């Protein structure tokens, strides 16, 4: 959120940060930012947090590498469910660069140069990608 949030208010948008963690001073410095506490793994909580908004940006990541597969994939399912309940049709997901193709049929996470410390998180994002892409959102695509 620290890198993403500063870009949004300058475009005339209202930003709400939902987090289970303490908000950093970088995010606190934004005047157009409201902060709420939320649980990305609870679709009802997601729906309540996003009900008034047109677009949701998600940068969900684990606190511990061992949390990655479960957290990232469960968050994807919960976000899709919660957004549907709130009738929010636009979702921007930040993450998953390891699943980008660097050569035909070769994803970055599968290359020898990919850092081992990041592999679990990258694989979790790769597992979450089909959940987002099959969500029925007509604008779902990879970049």
N, C-alpha and C. Protein backbone atom coordinates (compact mmCIF):
# COMPACT_ATOMS: atom_id res chain seq x y z
N UNK A 1 0.82 -1.19 0.00
CA UNK A 1 0.00 0.00 0.00
C UNK A 1 0.87 1.25 0.00
N UNK A 2 2.05 1.19 0.61
CA UNK A 2 2.91 2.35 0.71
C UNK A 2 3.31 2.94 -0.63
N UNK A 3 3.50 2.11 -1.66
CA UNK A 3 3.88 2.60 -2.98
C UNK A 3 2.66 2.93 -3.83
N UNK A 4 1.58 2.20 -3.65
CA UNK A 4 0.39 2.36 -4.48
C UNK A 4 -0.45 3.56 -4.04
N UNK A 5 -0.69 3.71 -2.77
CA UNK A 5 -1.61 4.74 -2.27
C UNK A 5 -1.22 6.17 -2.64
N UNK A 6 0.05 6.56 -2.62
CA UNK A 6 0.36 7.95 -2.95
C UNK A 6 0.00 8.34 -4.37
N UNK A 7 -0.14 7.39 -5.28
CA UNK A 7 -0.45 7.68 -6.67
C UNK A 7 -1.92 8.01 -6.89
N UNK A 8 -2.79 7.53 -6.03
CA UNK A 8 -4.22 7.60 -6.29
C UNK A 8 -4.84 8.95 -5.95
N UNK A 9 -4.60 9.56 -4.78
CA UNK A 9 -5.26 10.83 -4.46
C UNK A 9 -4.96 11.94 -5.45
N UNK A 10 -3.78 11.93 -6.05
CA UNK A 10 -3.43 12.95 -7.02
C UNK A 10 -4.32 12.91 -8.25
N UNK A 11 -5.02 11.82 -8.45
CA UNK A 11 -5.92 11.68 -9.57
C UNK A 11 -7.35 12.01 -9.19
N UNK A 12 -7.54 12.66 -8.05
CA UNK A 12 -8.87 13.08 -7.62
C UNK A 12 -9.70 11.98 -7.00
N UNK A 13 -9.08 10.90 -6.57
CA UNK A 13 -9.80 9.77 -6.00
C UNK A 13 -9.76 9.83 -4.47
N UNK A 14 -10.76 9.24 -3.88
CA UNK A 14 -10.79 9.05 -2.43
C UNK A 14 -10.24 7.65 -2.17
N UNK A 15 -9.32 7.54 -1.22
CA UNK A 15 -8.65 6.27 -0.96
C UNK A 15 -8.98 5.81 0.45
N UNK A 16 -9.31 4.53 0.56
CA UNK A 16 -9.51 3.90 1.86
C UNK A 16 -8.53 2.76 1.95
N UNK A 17 -7.79 2.72 3.05
CA UNK A 17 -6.85 1.62 3.28
C UNK A 17 -7.45 0.70 4.31
N UNK A 18 -7.64 -0.56 3.94
CA UNK A 18 -8.11 -1.57 4.88
C UNK A 18 -6.93 -2.46 5.21
N UNK A 19 -6.62 -2.57 6.48
CA UNK A 19 -5.43 -3.30 6.87
C UNK A 19 -5.61 -3.93 8.24
N UNK A 20 -4.94 -5.05 8.45
CA UNK A 20 -4.91 -5.63 9.78
C UNK A 20 -3.68 -5.13 10.52
N UNK A 21 -2.77 -4.48 9.81
CA UNK A 21 -1.53 -3.99 10.39
C UNK A 21 -1.61 -2.49 10.64
N UNK A 22 -0.68 -1.98 11.41
CA UNK A 22 -0.59 -0.55 11.65
C UNK A 22 -0.23 0.15 10.35
N UNK A 23 -0.90 1.25 10.08
CA UNK A 23 -0.64 2.00 8.86
C UNK A 23 0.65 2.78 9.01
N UNK A 24 1.47 2.75 7.98
CA UNK A 24 2.76 3.42 8.03
C UNK A 24 2.61 4.93 7.94
N UNK A 25 3.66 5.66 8.33
CA UNK A 25 3.57 7.12 8.28
C UNK A 25 3.46 7.64 6.86
N UNK A 26 3.99 6.89 5.88
CA UNK A 26 3.84 7.29 4.48
C UNK A 26 2.37 7.33 4.11
N UNK A 27 1.63 6.30 4.49
CA UNK A 27 0.21 6.25 4.19
C UNK A 27 -0.55 7.26 5.02
N UNK A 28 -0.18 7.45 6.28
CA UNK A 28 -0.85 8.42 7.14
C UNK A 28 -0.71 9.85 6.62
N UNK A 29 0.35 10.14 5.88
CA UNK A 29 0.58 11.48 5.38
C UNK A 29 -0.39 11.87 4.27
N UNK A 30 -1.09 10.92 3.71
CA UNK A 30 -2.01 11.22 2.62
C UNK A 30 -3.29 11.82 3.17
N UNK A 31 -3.65 12.98 2.70
CA UNK A 31 -4.83 13.67 3.22
C UNK A 31 -6.13 13.07 2.73
N UNK A 32 -6.13 12.46 1.56
CA UNK A 32 -7.36 11.90 1.00
C UNK A 32 -7.52 10.43 1.36
N UNK A 33 -6.88 10.02 2.44
CA UNK A 33 -6.89 8.61 2.82
C UNK A 33 -7.68 8.38 4.09
N UNK A 34 -8.63 7.48 4.02
CA UNK A 34 -9.33 7.01 5.21
C UNK A 34 -8.78 5.63 5.53
N UNK A 35 -8.68 5.30 6.81
CA UNK A 35 -8.13 4.02 7.22
C UNK A 35 -9.18 3.24 8.00
N UNK A 36 -9.38 1.98 7.60
CA UNK A 36 -10.28 1.08 8.33
C UNK A 36 -9.52 -0.22 8.60
N UNK A 37 -9.96 -0.93 9.62
CA UNK A 37 -9.39 -2.24 9.90
C UNK A 37 -10.29 -3.28 9.25
N UNK A 38 -9.68 -4.24 8.59
CA UNK A 38 -10.49 -5.22 7.89
C UNK A 38 -9.86 -6.59 7.87
N UNK A 39 -10.63 -7.55 7.39
CA UNK A 39 -10.17 -8.93 7.27
C UNK A 39 -10.41 -9.39 5.84
N UNK A 40 -9.36 -9.45 5.05
CA UNK A 40 -9.48 -9.82 3.65
C UNK A 40 -9.94 -11.26 3.47
N UNK A 41 -9.87 -12.05 4.52
CA UNK A 41 -10.29 -13.45 4.43
C UNK A 41 -11.76 -13.65 4.77
N UNK A 42 -12.48 -12.57 5.05
CA UNK A 42 -13.90 -12.63 5.38
C UNK A 42 -14.68 -11.87 4.30
N UNK A 43 -15.36 -12.58 3.39
CA UNK A 43 -16.07 -11.90 2.30
C UNK A 43 -17.09 -10.86 2.77
N UNK A 44 -17.76 -11.11 3.89
CA UNK A 44 -18.72 -10.13 4.42
C UNK A 44 -18.01 -8.85 4.84
N UNK A 45 -16.84 -9.01 5.46
CA UNK A 45 -16.05 -7.86 5.87
C UNK A 45 -15.55 -7.09 4.65
N UNK A 46 -15.11 -7.81 3.64
CA UNK A 46 -14.67 -7.18 2.39
C UNK A 46 -15.83 -6.38 1.78
N UNK A 47 -16.99 -7.00 1.69
CA UNK A 47 -18.16 -6.34 1.10
C UNK A 47 -18.51 -5.05 1.84
N UNK A 48 -18.49 -5.10 3.16
CA UNK A 48 -18.81 -3.91 3.95
C UNK A 48 -17.77 -2.81 3.75
N UNK A 49 -16.51 -3.19 3.63
CA UNK A 49 -15.44 -2.20 3.50
C UNK A 49 -15.43 -1.52 2.13
N UNK A 50 -15.90 -2.21 1.08
CA UNK A 50 -15.78 -1.66 -0.27
C UNK A 50 -17.10 -1.20 -0.87
N UNK A 51 -18.19 -1.31 -0.13
CA UNK A 51 -19.52 -1.07 -0.67
C UNK A 51 -19.70 0.29 -1.33
N UNK A 52 -19.01 1.30 -0.88
CA UNK A 52 -19.22 2.66 -1.42
C UNK A 52 -18.26 3.01 -2.56
N UNK A 53 -17.45 2.06 -2.98
CA UNK A 53 -16.36 2.40 -3.90
C UNK A 53 -16.52 1.74 -5.26
N UNK A 54 -15.87 2.32 -6.25
CA UNK A 54 -15.96 1.83 -7.62
C UNK A 54 -14.84 0.85 -7.97
N UNK A 55 -13.69 1.00 -7.33
CA UNK A 55 -12.52 0.19 -7.66
C UNK A 55 -11.84 -0.24 -6.37
N UNK A 56 -11.36 -1.45 -6.34
CA UNK A 56 -10.59 -1.96 -5.21
C UNK A 56 -9.20 -2.33 -5.73
N UNK A 57 -8.17 -1.89 -5.02
CA UNK A 57 -6.80 -2.29 -5.33
C UNK A 57 -6.32 -3.17 -4.18
N UNK A 58 -5.83 -4.35 -4.53
CA UNK A 58 -5.38 -5.29 -3.51
C UNK A 58 -3.88 -5.54 -3.66
N UNK A 59 -3.19 -5.44 -2.55
CA UNK A 59 -1.76 -5.77 -2.50
C UNK A 59 -1.54 -6.73 -1.34
N UNK A 60 -2.37 -7.76 -1.29
CA UNK A 60 -2.33 -8.73 -0.20
C UNK A 60 -1.02 -9.51 -0.25
N UNK A 61 -0.39 -9.62 0.89
CA UNK A 61 0.83 -10.41 1.00
C UNK A 61 0.93 -11.00 2.38
N UNK A 62 1.70 -12.04 2.51
CA UNK A 62 1.81 -12.73 3.79
C UNK A 62 2.74 -12.02 4.76
N UNK A 63 2.51 -12.26 6.04
CA UNK A 63 3.45 -11.78 7.06
C UNK A 63 4.65 -12.70 7.12
N UNK A 64 4.42 -13.99 6.93
CA UNK A 64 5.49 -14.99 6.97
C UNK A 64 5.48 -15.77 5.67
N UNK A 65 6.64 -16.15 5.15
CA UNK A 65 6.66 -16.94 3.91
C UNK A 65 5.81 -18.20 3.99
N UNK A 66 5.71 -18.81 5.15
CA UNK A 66 4.93 -20.04 5.29
C UNK A 66 3.42 -19.78 5.15
N UNK A 67 2.99 -18.53 5.33
CA UNK A 67 1.58 -18.17 5.19
C UNK A 67 1.17 -17.98 3.73
N UNK A 68 2.15 -17.82 2.84
CA UNK A 68 1.89 -17.38 1.47
C UNK A 68 0.83 -18.19 0.73
N UNK A 69 0.99 -19.49 0.56
CA UNK A 69 0.01 -20.18 -0.28
C UNK A 69 -1.42 -20.04 0.22
N UNK A 70 -1.63 -20.27 1.49
CA UNK A 70 -2.98 -20.21 2.03
C UNK A 70 -3.53 -18.78 2.00
N UNK A 71 -2.78 -17.82 2.47
CA UNK A 71 -3.26 -16.45 2.54
C UNK A 71 -3.59 -15.88 1.17
N UNK A 72 -2.68 -15.98 0.24
CA UNK A 72 -2.87 -15.36 -1.07
C UNK A 72 -4.04 -15.98 -1.82
N UNK A 73 -4.15 -17.29 -1.81
CA UNK A 73 -5.24 -17.98 -2.51
C UNK A 73 -6.57 -17.75 -1.80
N UNK A 74 -6.60 -17.86 -0.48
CA UNK A 74 -7.85 -17.61 0.26
C UNK A 74 -8.30 -16.15 0.12
N UNK A 75 -7.34 -15.23 0.11
CA UNK A 75 -7.68 -13.81 -0.08
C UNK A 75 -8.28 -13.58 -1.46
N UNK A 76 -7.77 -14.24 -2.47
CA UNK A 76 -8.32 -14.10 -3.82
C UNK A 76 -9.79 -14.52 -3.84
N UNK A 77 -10.08 -15.67 -3.25
CA UNK A 77 -11.47 -16.15 -3.21
C UNK A 77 -12.38 -15.20 -2.43
N UNK A 78 -11.89 -14.73 -1.30
CA UNK A 78 -12.67 -13.84 -0.45
C UNK A 78 -12.91 -12.49 -1.13
N UNK A 79 -11.88 -11.96 -1.78
CA UNK A 79 -12.04 -10.69 -2.49
C UNK A 79 -13.10 -10.80 -3.58
N UNK A 80 -13.01 -11.85 -4.38
CA UNK A 80 -13.98 -12.03 -5.46
C UNK A 80 -15.39 -12.14 -4.89
N UNK A 81 -15.58 -12.91 -3.84
CA UNK A 81 -16.88 -13.07 -3.20
C UNK A 81 -17.36 -11.75 -2.61
N UNK A 82 -16.49 -11.07 -1.85
CA UNK A 82 -16.87 -9.81 -1.21
C UNK A 82 -17.20 -8.72 -2.21
N UNK A 83 -16.42 -8.61 -3.27
CA UNK A 83 -16.70 -7.61 -4.29
C UNK A 83 -18.02 -7.89 -5.00
N UNK A 84 -18.30 -9.16 -5.24
CA UNK A 84 -19.59 -9.51 -5.87
C UNK A 84 -20.75 -9.11 -4.96
N UNK A 85 -20.62 -9.37 -3.67
CA UNK A 85 -21.68 -9.00 -2.72
C UNK A 85 -21.90 -7.48 -2.70
N UNK A 86 -20.81 -6.72 -2.83
CA UNK A 86 -20.89 -5.26 -2.79
C UNK A 86 -21.17 -4.65 -4.16
N UNK A 87 -21.21 -5.50 -5.18
CA UNK A 87 -21.43 -5.06 -6.56
C UNK A 87 -20.34 -4.10 -7.04
N UNK A 88 -19.13 -4.41 -6.65
CA UNK A 88 -17.96 -3.68 -7.15
C UNK A 88 -17.36 -4.52 -8.26
N UNK A 89 -17.25 -3.92 -9.44
CA UNK A 89 -16.86 -4.70 -10.61
C UNK A 89 -15.40 -4.56 -11.01
N UNK A 90 -14.67 -3.66 -10.36
CA UNK A 90 -13.29 -3.45 -10.77
C UNK A 90 -12.33 -3.75 -9.62
N UNK A 91 -11.37 -4.61 -9.90
CA UNK A 91 -10.37 -5.01 -8.94
C UNK A 91 -9.00 -4.97 -9.60
N UNK A 92 -8.07 -4.28 -8.96
CA UNK A 92 -6.68 -4.23 -9.41
C UNK A 92 -5.88 -5.03 -8.39
N UNK A 93 -5.15 -6.02 -8.85
CA UNK A 93 -4.35 -6.85 -7.96
C UNK A 93 -2.88 -6.59 -8.25
N UNK A 94 -2.15 -6.23 -7.21
CA UNK A 94 -0.72 -5.99 -7.32
C UNK A 94 0.00 -7.22 -6.77
N UNK A 95 0.84 -7.80 -7.58
CA UNK A 95 1.57 -9.00 -7.18
C UNK A 95 1.54 -10.02 -8.29
N UNK A 96 2.32 -11.05 -8.13
CA UNK A 96 2.30 -12.13 -9.10
C UNK A 96 3.26 -11.99 -10.25
N UNK A 97 4.23 -11.08 -10.14
CA UNK A 97 5.17 -10.89 -11.24
C UNK A 97 5.96 -12.15 -11.56
N UNK A 98 6.13 -13.03 -10.58
CA UNK A 98 6.85 -14.27 -10.81
C UNK A 98 6.18 -15.18 -11.81
N UNK A 99 4.88 -14.98 -12.04
CA UNK A 99 4.17 -15.83 -13.00
C UNK A 99 4.16 -15.26 -14.41
N UNK A 100 4.84 -14.15 -14.62
CA UNK A 100 4.92 -13.59 -15.97
C UNK A 100 5.87 -14.42 -16.82
N UNK A 101 5.54 -14.57 -18.09
CA UNK A 101 6.39 -15.34 -19.01
C UNK A 101 7.61 -14.52 -19.41
N UNK A 102 8.77 -15.10 -19.28
CA UNK A 102 10.02 -14.45 -19.68
C UNK A 102 10.55 -15.05 -20.98
N UNK A 103 9.99 -16.16 -21.37
CA UNK A 103 10.26 -16.83 -22.64
C UNK A 103 9.02 -17.68 -22.91
N UNK A 104 8.79 -18.08 -24.14
CA UNK A 104 7.61 -18.89 -24.42
C UNK A 104 7.53 -20.12 -23.51
N UNK A 105 6.45 -20.19 -22.71
CA UNK A 105 6.23 -21.32 -21.82
C UNK A 105 7.06 -21.33 -20.55
N UNK A 106 7.84 -20.27 -20.30
CA UNK A 106 8.70 -20.20 -19.11
C UNK A 106 8.30 -19.00 -18.27
N UNK A 107 7.89 -19.26 -17.03
CA UNK A 107 7.55 -18.18 -16.12
C UNK A 107 8.78 -17.79 -15.30
N UNK A 108 8.83 -16.53 -14.92
CA UNK A 108 9.97 -16.00 -14.16
C UNK A 108 10.28 -16.85 -12.93
N UNK A 109 9.26 -17.27 -12.20
CA UNK A 109 9.45 -18.05 -10.97
C UNK A 109 10.15 -19.39 -11.25
N UNK A 110 10.06 -19.88 -12.47
CA UNK A 110 10.65 -21.16 -12.82
C UNK A 110 12.06 -21.06 -13.39
N UNK A 111 12.61 -19.86 -13.42
CA UNK A 111 13.98 -19.69 -13.92
C UNK A 111 14.99 -19.93 -12.81
N UNK A 112 16.20 -20.34 -13.15
CA UNK A 112 17.23 -20.58 -12.13
C UNK A 112 17.61 -19.30 -11.36
N UNK A 113 17.43 -18.15 -11.98
CA UNK A 113 17.82 -16.89 -11.35
C UNK A 113 16.81 -16.39 -10.32
N UNK A 114 15.62 -16.98 -10.30
CA UNK A 114 14.59 -16.48 -9.38
C UNK A 114 15.02 -16.74 -7.95
N UNK A 115 14.98 -15.71 -7.07
CA UNK A 115 15.43 -15.88 -5.68
C UNK A 115 14.59 -16.90 -4.90
N UNK A 116 15.25 -17.85 -4.30
CA UNK A 116 14.58 -18.91 -3.55
C UNK A 116 13.70 -18.35 -2.43
N UNK A 117 14.13 -17.27 -1.80
CA UNK A 117 13.38 -16.69 -0.69
C UNK A 117 12.00 -16.19 -1.11
N UNK A 118 11.83 -15.85 -2.37
CA UNK A 118 10.57 -15.31 -2.86
C UNK A 118 9.72 -16.35 -3.58
N UNK A 119 10.24 -17.56 -3.77
CA UNK A 119 9.56 -18.56 -4.58
C UNK A 119 8.18 -18.95 -4.03
N UNK A 120 8.05 -19.18 -2.73
CA UNK A 120 6.76 -19.56 -2.15
C UNK A 120 5.68 -18.52 -2.38
N UNK A 121 6.03 -17.27 -2.20
CA UNK A 121 5.07 -16.18 -2.40
C UNK A 121 4.70 -16.08 -3.88
N UNK A 122 5.70 -16.20 -4.74
CA UNK A 122 5.45 -16.12 -6.18
C UNK A 122 4.54 -17.26 -6.64
N UNK A 123 4.78 -18.47 -6.14
CA UNK A 123 3.93 -19.61 -6.50
C UNK A 123 2.51 -19.42 -5.98
N UNK A 124 2.37 -18.83 -4.80
CA UNK A 124 1.03 -18.57 -4.26
C UNK A 124 0.27 -17.58 -5.14
N UNK A 125 0.95 -16.54 -5.59
CA UNK A 125 0.30 -15.59 -6.50
C UNK A 125 -0.05 -16.26 -7.82
N UNK A 126 0.82 -17.16 -8.29
CA UNK A 126 0.52 -17.89 -9.52
C UNK A 126 -0.74 -18.74 -9.32
N UNK A 127 -0.89 -19.36 -8.15
CA UNK A 127 -2.09 -20.16 -7.86
C UNK A 127 -3.35 -19.29 -7.76
N UNK A 128 -3.19 -18.05 -7.32
CA UNK A 128 -4.34 -17.15 -7.18
C UNK A 128 -4.78 -16.57 -8.52
N UNK A 129 -3.87 -16.47 -9.46
CA UNK A 129 -4.18 -15.84 -10.74
C UNK A 129 -5.40 -16.46 -11.44
N UNK A 130 -5.50 -17.78 -11.55
CA UNK A 130 -6.69 -18.34 -12.21
C UNK A 130 -8.00 -18.02 -11.48
N UNK A 131 -7.92 -17.84 -10.18
CA UNK A 131 -9.13 -17.47 -9.41
C UNK A 131 -9.62 -16.11 -9.88
N UNK A 132 -8.70 -15.15 -9.99
CA UNK A 132 -9.08 -13.83 -10.48
C UNK A 132 -9.56 -13.88 -11.92
N UNK A 133 -8.83 -14.61 -12.77
CA UNK A 133 -9.17 -14.65 -14.19
C UNK A 133 -10.49 -15.35 -14.47
N UNK A 134 -10.89 -16.29 -13.61
CA UNK A 134 -12.15 -17.00 -13.83
C UNK A 134 -13.31 -16.39 -13.05
N UNK A 135 -13.10 -15.19 -12.50
CA UNK A 135 -14.10 -14.58 -11.62
C UNK A 135 -15.32 -14.04 -12.34
N UNK A 136 -15.26 -13.96 -13.65
CA UNK A 136 -16.39 -13.39 -14.37
C UNK A 136 -16.25 -11.90 -14.62
N UNK A 137 -15.22 -11.29 -14.08
CA UNK A 137 -14.97 -9.88 -14.37
C UNK A 137 -14.51 -9.79 -15.82
N UNK A 138 -15.22 -9.04 -16.62
CA UNK A 138 -14.92 -8.99 -18.05
C UNK A 138 -13.57 -8.33 -18.31
N UNK A 139 -13.08 -7.53 -17.37
CA UNK A 139 -11.82 -6.85 -17.61
C UNK A 139 -10.63 -7.61 -17.02
N UNK A 140 -10.84 -8.81 -16.51
CA UNK A 140 -9.76 -9.56 -15.90
C UNK A 140 -8.72 -9.94 -16.95
N UNK A 141 -7.50 -9.53 -16.70
CA UNK A 141 -6.41 -9.86 -17.61
C UNK A 141 -5.09 -9.68 -16.89
N UNK A 142 -4.05 -10.26 -17.45
CA UNK A 142 -2.72 -10.18 -16.86
C UNK A 142 -1.92 -9.09 -17.56
N UNK A 143 -1.06 -8.43 -16.79
CA UNK A 143 -0.14 -7.44 -17.38
C UNK A 143 1.25 -7.72 -16.90
